[in-house]
């Protein structure tokens, strides 16, 4: 059956409708990696978006639950040039079958090169994806609060390590939690709207501000709490968490034309001059000029467009990165950032003992 993707600028792309809800809307974004579709489809940062895969063949190694970054498919819809339907290894679920079971609409046979060129030229935009035989959903002017949809609503604990880290959940990826556990951390996951006193009662050694979907400014009412926490505990921010820390200290963010989504984005460490590859998935960036009064210095910059990719505070054990050090998918060149976080916790505990 024929499917249609109608962009906000009126451009229409056609393809084969492979199932799922008959009509959905969402912001259309693209991912440039050759592999990693399992992680992309389950990443809460993609909540409610229509994801276009640039690689021409998607699904050739199926889907395994153990590779998923959350418990469900997060995008509103999926667009591919070709969806693989051949042999899959035992224990894996075919790509299209998995998405159909999740009732997530998929279009195959789409001219993804032209579609992505359109997004790059005019920017990410809203779109409606629907069966040709059905009426498209009416686009809404209201913007859903995506963090509330993606984040957990209850506390949970993992690991039995020596360092107690509270992970503030804006829509975290499983690999971030696992990276902390692998670095000898006991992790307590708490919702983004957990009051200061409740986090204080948990007696954390450090805090991790997680990734998540949407505009960080939607959380403006919580910035005073986040700043108070960052002034009290060693902190590490990732992706949305990085943006939130910058905003909480008085910085500003802006939306990129079409975002960074892929597994091969080069970033430069401003302290060492070393360039390394990173995995990224974000629409917003911290504005460098807004950092003057925040106490933050730029730790990483993007080699392609010179945007801010990381921050470190001059007076507090607080740092953050725009990219994903846990990868999943992508290069694992930045795992040492978790070690840096643990070191900041250790140093902070030593200072407490000195003054005790």
Protein backbone atom coordinates (compact mmCIF):
# COMPACT_ATOMS: atom_id res chain seq x y z
CA UNK A 1 0.00 0.00 0.00
CA UNK A 2 1.23 3.50 -0.83
CA UNK A 3 2.27 5.85 1.95
CA UNK A 4 2.80 9.61 1.98
CA UNK A 5 5.10 11.90 3.95
CA UNK A 6 3.97 15.51 3.70
CA UNK A 7 6.45 18.07 5.02
CA UNK A 8 5.37 21.38 6.53
CA UNK A 9 6.64 23.18 3.42
CA UNK A 10 4.19 21.20 1.27
CA UNK A 11 6.70 18.77 -0.26
CA UNK A 12 5.34 15.23 -0.54
CA UNK A 13 7.40 12.02 -0.57
CA UNK A 14 5.91 8.65 -1.44
CA UNK A 15 6.82 5.10 -0.50
CA UNK A 16 5.48 1.70 0.50
CA UNK A 17 3.41 1.71 3.71
CA UNK A 18 4.60 -1.21 5.86
CA UNK A 19 2.16 -0.97 8.77
CA UNK A 20 1.58 0.75 12.07
CA UNK A 21 -0.78 3.60 12.95
CA UNK A 22 -2.47 4.94 9.82
CA UNK A 23 -1.36 8.52 10.42
CA UNK A 24 1.21 10.23 12.66
CA UNK A 25 2.88 13.62 12.92
CA UNK A 26 6.27 14.64 14.21
CA UNK A 27 9.45 16.55 13.53
CA UNK A 28 11.37 14.94 10.67
CA UNK A 29 15.05 14.31 11.43
CA UNK A 30 17.75 12.12 9.90
CA UNK A 31 20.39 9.70 11.23
CA UNK A 32 23.57 9.16 9.21
CA UNK A 33 25.05 6.00 10.76
CA UNK A 34 25.48 2.78 8.76
CA UNK A 35 24.53 0.64 11.76
CA UNK A 36 22.95 1.17 15.16
CA UNK A 37 19.30 1.31 14.15
CA UNK A 38 18.29 -0.78 17.19
CA UNK A 39 19.76 1.80 19.56
CA UNK A 40 18.32 4.71 17.57
CA UNK A 41 14.81 3.28 17.53
CA UNK A 42 14.85 2.78 21.32
CA UNK A 43 16.61 6.04 22.29
CA UNK A 44 14.16 8.25 24.27
CA UNK A 45 15.81 11.33 22.74
CA UNK A 46 13.96 10.47 19.51
CA UNK A 47 10.59 10.53 21.29
CA UNK A 48 7.82 11.60 18.91
CA UNK A 49 10.08 12.30 15.92
CA UNK A 50 9.92 10.84 12.41
CA UNK A 51 13.38 9.36 11.83
CA UNK A 52 14.85 9.10 8.34
CA UNK A 53 17.78 6.69 7.96
CA UNK A 54 20.33 7.86 5.38
CA UNK A 55 21.96 4.46 4.90
CA UNK A 56 20.20 2.72 1.98
CA UNK A 57 19.55 -0.67 3.66
CA UNK A 58 18.20 -0.89 7.20
CA UNK A 59 17.30 -4.01 9.17
CA UNK A 60 19.79 -6.55 7.80
CA UNK A 61 20.75 -7.90 11.26
CA UNK A 62 17.27 -7.77 12.80
CA UNK A 63 16.42 -6.48 16.26
CA UNK A 64 17.42 -7.92 19.63
CA UNK A 65 15.89 -6.79 22.91
CA UNK A 66 19.32 -6.82 24.59
CA UNK A 67 20.55 -4.07 22.27
CA UNK A 68 17.63 -1.76 22.99
CA UNK A 69 18.24 1.47 24.92
CA UNK A 70 14.74 1.53 26.42
CA UNK A 71 11.77 -0.80 26.67
CA UNK A 72 9.96 0.46 23.58
CA UNK A 73 10.27 2.08 20.17
CA UNK A 74 10.51 5.86 20.66
CA UNK A 75 10.08 7.57 17.24
CA UNK A 76 6.59 8.33 15.95
CA UNK A 77 7.52 6.96 12.52
CA UNK A 78 10.40 5.53 10.49
CA UNK A 79 11.48 6.26 6.91
CA UNK A 80 13.98 4.07 4.98
CA UNK A 81 15.06 3.57 1.39
CA UNK A 82 14.95 -0.20 1.79
CA UNK A 83 13.85 -2.32 4.74
CA UNK A 84 15.58 -5.70 4.85
CA UNK A 85 13.23 -8.69 4.72
CA UNK A 86 15.66 -11.60 4.22
CA UNK A 87 17.16 -14.20 6.58
CA UNK A 88 17.74 -13.18 10.20
CA UNK A 89 19.86 -15.06 12.79
CA UNK A 90 18.09 -17.06 15.48
CA UNK A 91 17.08 -14.98 18.47
CA UNK A 92 16.58 -11.85 16.40
CA UNK A 93 13.28 -10.33 15.27
CA UNK A 94 12.98 -9.06 11.69
CA UNK A 95 13.14 -5.27 11.49
CA UNK A 96 9.74 -4.67 9.87
CA UNK A 97 8.00 -7.31 12.00
CA UNK A 98 9.27 -5.72 15.21
CA UNK A 99 8.05 -2.26 14.21
CA UNK A 100 4.70 -3.62 13.05
CA UNK A 101 4.20 -5.36 16.41
CA UNK A 102 4.97 -2.03 18.11
CA UNK A 103 2.43 -0.34 15.79
CA UNK A 104 5.05 2.16 14.64
CA UNK A 105 4.44 3.22 11.02
CA UNK A 106 7.22 2.53 8.53
CA UNK A 107 7.63 3.69 4.94
CA UNK A 108 10.11 1.94 2.62
CA UNK A 109 11.13 2.76 -0.94
CA UNK A 110 11.40 6.47 -0.13
CA UNK A 111 13.91 8.69 -1.93
CA UNK A 112 15.78 9.35 1.30
CA UNK A 113 18.65 11.20 -0.41
CA UNK A 114 16.32 13.88 -1.75
CA UNK A 115 14.37 13.97 1.52
CA UNK A 116 17.53 14.52 3.57
CA UNK A 117 18.77 17.16 1.12
CA UNK A 118 15.47 18.97 1.66
CA UNK A 119 15.89 18.83 5.46
CA UNK A 120 19.49 20.04 5.22
CA UNK A 121 18.45 22.92 2.96
CA UNK A 122 15.31 24.08 4.76
CA UNK A 123 15.86 22.64 8.23
CA UNK A 124 14.09 20.02 10.32
CA UNK A 125 10.36 20.53 10.11
CA UNK A 126 7.07 19.00 11.12
CA UNK A 127 5.58 16.40 8.83
CA UNK A 128 2.58 14.11 8.57
CA UNK A 129 3.10 10.47 7.63
CA UNK A 130 0.02 8.50 6.55
CA UNK A 131 -1.49 5.83 4.35
CA UNK A 132 -2.71 7.10 1.01
CA UNK A 133 -6.11 5.57 1.76
CA UNK A 134 -6.50 7.37 5.10
CA UNK A 135 -6.96 10.99 6.07
CA UNK A 136 -3.82 12.55 7.57
CA UNK A 137 -3.88 13.49 11.24
CA UNK A 138 -4.46 17.19 11.80
CA UNK A 139 -1.23 18.88 12.84
CA UNK A 140 -1.31 20.41 16.29
CA UNK A 141 0.06 23.80 17.28
CA UNK A 142 0.70 22.58 20.82
CA UNK A 143 4.13 21.14 21.59
CA UNK A 144 4.03 18.03 23.84
CA UNK A 145 6.25 18.00 26.92
CA UNK A 146 8.45 15.17 25.68
CA UNK A 147 10.60 14.78 28.80
CA UNK A 148 7.52 13.93 30.85
CA UNK A 149 6.59 11.30 28.26
CA UNK A 150 10.09 9.77 28.13
CA UNK A 151 11.28 9.95 31.75
CA UNK A 152 10.54 7.51 34.54
CA UNK A 153 8.05 8.42 37.25
CA UNK A 154 9.46 6.30 40.07
CA UNK A 155 12.82 5.66 41.74
CA UNK A 156 14.89 2.60 40.77
CA UNK A 157 18.32 1.28 41.76
CA UNK A 158 21.09 -0.62 39.93
CA UNK A 159 24.60 -1.78 40.74
CA UNK A 160 26.45 -2.36 44.02
CA UNK A 161 29.53 -0.22 43.55
CA UNK A 162 31.53 2.04 45.82
CA UNK A 163 30.13 5.32 44.52
CA UNK A 164 26.49 6.30 44.82
CA UNK A 165 25.37 8.24 41.75
CA UNK A 166 21.88 9.68 41.40
CA UNK A 167 20.89 9.71 37.74
CA UNK A 168 18.38 12.49 37.08
CA UNK A 169 16.19 11.04 34.36
CA UNK A 170 15.07 13.17 31.43
CA UNK A 171 14.78 10.09 29.19
CA UNK A 172 18.01 8.20 29.83
CA UNK A 173 19.60 5.50 27.67
CA UNK A 174 20.30 2.11 29.20
CA UNK A 175 23.95 2.33 28.12
CA UNK A 176 24.52 5.39 30.32
CA UNK A 177 23.27 3.49 33.35
CA UNK A 178 25.38 0.47 32.39
CA UNK A 179 28.50 2.63 31.95
CA UNK A 180 28.08 3.93 35.50
CA UNK A 181 27.61 0.41 36.87
CA UNK A 182 30.71 -0.73 34.93
CA UNK A 183 32.65 2.02 36.70
CA UNK A 184 31.78 0.65 40.17
CA UNK A 185 28.77 2.86 40.79
CA UNK A 186 25.60 2.16 42.66
CA UNK A 187 22.99 4.10 40.67
CA UNK A 188 19.64 5.45 41.80
CA UNK A 189 17.47 6.72 38.95
CA UNK A 190 15.09 9.51 39.92
CA UNK A 191 12.51 11.48 37.87
CA UNK A 192 13.51 14.91 36.55
CA UNK A 193 11.05 16.59 38.93
CA UNK A 194 12.45 15.13 42.15
CA UNK A 195 12.75 17.88 44.80
CA UNK A 196 16.15 18.84 46.20
CA UNK A 197 15.45 17.50 49.68
CA UNK A 198 14.53 14.05 48.35
CA UNK A 199 17.78 13.81 46.41
CA UNK A 200 19.66 15.06 49.47
CA UNK A 201 18.13 12.25 51.55
CA UNK A 202 19.60 9.72 49.12
CA UNK A 203 23.09 10.94 50.12
CA UNK A 204 24.61 10.75 46.63
CA UNK A 205 28.32 11.04 45.93
CA UNK A 206 27.55 12.61 42.55
CA UNK A 207 24.80 13.38 40.06
CA UNK A 208 24.42 12.53 36.39
CA UNK A 209 22.05 14.67 34.31
CA UNK A 210 20.87 12.38 31.53
CA UNK A 211 20.00 12.76 27.88
CA UNK A 212 16.38 13.21 26.81
CA UNK A 213 14.07 14.62 24.14
CA UNK A 214 12.85 18.10 23.29
CA UNK A 215 13.72 21.67 24.16
CA UNK A 216 15.67 22.03 27.43
CA UNK A 217 13.92 25.34 28.15
CA UNK A 218 10.71 23.39 28.80
CA UNK A 219 12.29 22.61 32.19
CA UNK A 220 12.91 26.26 33.14
CA UNK A 221 10.92 26.01 36.39
CA UNK A 222 13.41 23.39 37.63
CA UNK A 223 16.61 25.31 36.78
CA UNK A 224 17.00 26.75 40.33
CA UNK A 225 16.84 23.22 41.77
CA UNK A 226 19.35 21.89 39.25
CA UNK A 227 21.75 24.76 39.97
CA UNK A 228 21.47 24.19 43.72
CA UNK A 229 22.24 20.50 43.19
CA UNK A 230 25.24 21.31 40.97
CA UNK A 231 26.60 23.66 43.63
CA UNK A 232 26.34 20.84 46.19
CA UNK A 233 27.50 17.68 44.37
CA UNK A 234 29.94 16.65 41.61
CA UNK A 235 27.93 16.59 38.37
CA UNK A 236 28.22 15.13 34.88
CA UNK A 237 25.75 16.17 32.16
CA UNK A 238 25.15 14.30 28.90
CA UNK A 239 23.32 15.73 25.85
CA UNK A 240 20.10 17.31 27.19
CA UNK A 241 21.68 17.19 30.66
CA UNK A 242 24.60 19.25 29.31
CA UNK A 243 22.21 21.89 27.97
CA UNK A 244 20.25 21.97 31.23
CA UNK A 245 23.37 22.59 33.32
CA UNK A 246 24.37 25.49 31.04
CA UNK A 247 20.88 27.00 31.27
CA UNK A 248 20.70 26.53 35.04
CA UNK A 249 23.84 28.65 35.46
CA UNK A 250 22.52 31.43 33.19
CA UNK A 251 23.61 30.29 29.74
CA UNK A 252 21.43 30.03 26.65
CA UNK A 253 20.63 27.45 23.99
CA UNK A 254 19.46 27.65 20.39
CA UNK A 255 18.05 25.18 17.90
CA UNK A 256 20.25 23.96 15.06
CA UNK A 257 18.99 24.00 11.50
CA UNK A 258 18.88 20.22 11.24
CA UNK A 259 20.73 18.92 14.29
CA UNK A 260 23.56 16.43 14.74
CA UNK A 261 22.54 12.76 14.49
CA UNK A 262 25.11 10.14 13.67
CA UNK A 263 28.08 8.15 14.93
CA UNK A 264 30.97 10.00 13.29
CA UNK A 265 30.97 13.60 14.50
CA UNK A 266 34.50 14.92 15.17
CA UNK A 267 35.03 16.92 18.36
CA UNK A 268 38.15 18.66 19.68
CA UNK A 269 39.25 18.65 23.32
CA UNK A 270 40.12 22.30 23.99
CA UNK A 271 42.62 21.36 26.72
CA UNK A 272 44.64 18.85 24.70
CA UNK A 273 43.87 19.76 21.09
CA UNK A 274 43.05 16.09 20.44
CA UNK A 275 40.30 15.34 17.90
CA UNK A 276 38.13 12.27 18.38
CA UNK A 277 34.94 10.86 16.91
CA UNK A 278 31.67 11.00 18.82
CA UNK A 279 28.11 9.73 18.69
CA UNK A 280 25.52 12.50 18.68
CA UNK A 281 21.77 13.02 18.71
CA UNK A 282 20.54 16.55 19.41
CA UNK A 283 18.66 19.50 17.94
CA UNK A 284 19.78 22.18 20.40
CA UNK A 285 23.21 23.56 21.33
CA UNK A 286 24.62 25.84 24.00
CA UNK A 287 25.50 29.30 22.71
CA UNK A 288 29.16 30.04 23.39
CA UNK A 289 28.63 33.80 23.84
CA UNK A 290 26.10 33.14 26.62
CA UNK A 291 28.67 31.45 28.88
CA UNK A 292 30.59 34.56 29.98
CA UNK A 293 28.91 34.90 33.40
CA UNK A 294 28.21 31.20 34.01
CA UNK A 295 31.59 30.04 35.29
CA UNK A 296 31.83 27.52 32.45
CA UNK A 297 34.65 27.14 29.94
CA UNK A 298 34.29 25.25 26.67
CA UNK A 299 35.74 21.74 27.05
CA UNK A 300 34.93 20.37 23.58
CA UNK A 301 33.98 22.00 20.28
CA UNK A 302 32.53 20.51 17.10
CA UNK A 303 35.13 20.40 14.32
CA UNK A 304 32.48 20.66 11.58
CA UNK A 305 30.51 23.73 12.71
CA UNK A 306 32.45 25.00 15.77
CA UNK A 307 29.45 24.53 18.08
CA UNK A 308 29.89 23.88 21.81
CA UNK A 309 30.27 20.15 22.56
CA UNK A 310 31.32 20.21 26.19
CA UNK A 311 31.72 22.41 29.27
CA UNK A 312 33.74 22.41 32.46
CA UNK A 313 33.11 24.69 35.44
CA UNK A 314 36.02 26.76 36.72
CA UNK A 315 35.13 26.52 40.42
CA UNK A 316 32.91 23.47 40.82
CA UNK A 317 33.37 19.73 40.05
CA UNK A 318 30.81 20.05 37.25
CA UNK A 319 31.32 19.18 33.58
CA UNK A 320 29.17 18.12 30.65
CA UNK A 321 29.25 16.95 27.03
CA UNK A 322 26.80 17.40 24.19
CA UNK A 323 27.72 14.05 22.63
CA UNK A 324 27.25 10.52 23.99
CA UNK A 325 30.34 9.06 25.72
CA UNK A 326 28.49 5.77 26.21
CA UNK A 327 28.11 5.60 22.39
CA UNK A 328 25.41 2.98 21.59
CA UNK A 329 25.69 3.32 18.69
CA UNK A 330 29.07 4.67 17.71
CA UNK A 331 32.69 4.96 18.83
CA UNK A 332 33.60 4.37 22.47
CA UNK A 333 36.51 6.82 22.50
CA UNK A 334 35.04 8.88 25.34
CA UNK A 335 34.48 6.25 28.02
CA UNK A 336 37.24 7.99 29.98
CA UNK A 337 34.74 10.76 30.72
CA UNK A 338 33.01 8.37 33.12
CA UNK A 339 36.41 7.81 34.75
CA UNK A 340 36.81 11.59 34.97
CA UNK A 341 33.44 11.77 36.72
CA UNK A 342 34.51 9.11 39.23
CA UNK A 343 37.76 10.99 39.85
CA UNK A 344 35.81 14.19 40.58
CA UNK A 345 33.69 12.25 43.08
CA UNK A 346 36.79 10.82 44.77
CA UNK A 347 38.42 14.24 44.99
CA UNK A 348 35.25 15.75 46.43
CA UNK A 349 35.04 13.04 49.10
CA UNK A 350 38.67 13.66 50.05
CA UNK A 351 37.94 17.36 50.56
CA UNK A 352 34.96 16.54 52.77
CA UNK A 353 37.17 14.31 54.96
CA UNK A 354 39.81 17.04 55.23
CA UNK A 355 37.27 19.52 56.56
CA UNK A 356 35.34 17.03 58.70
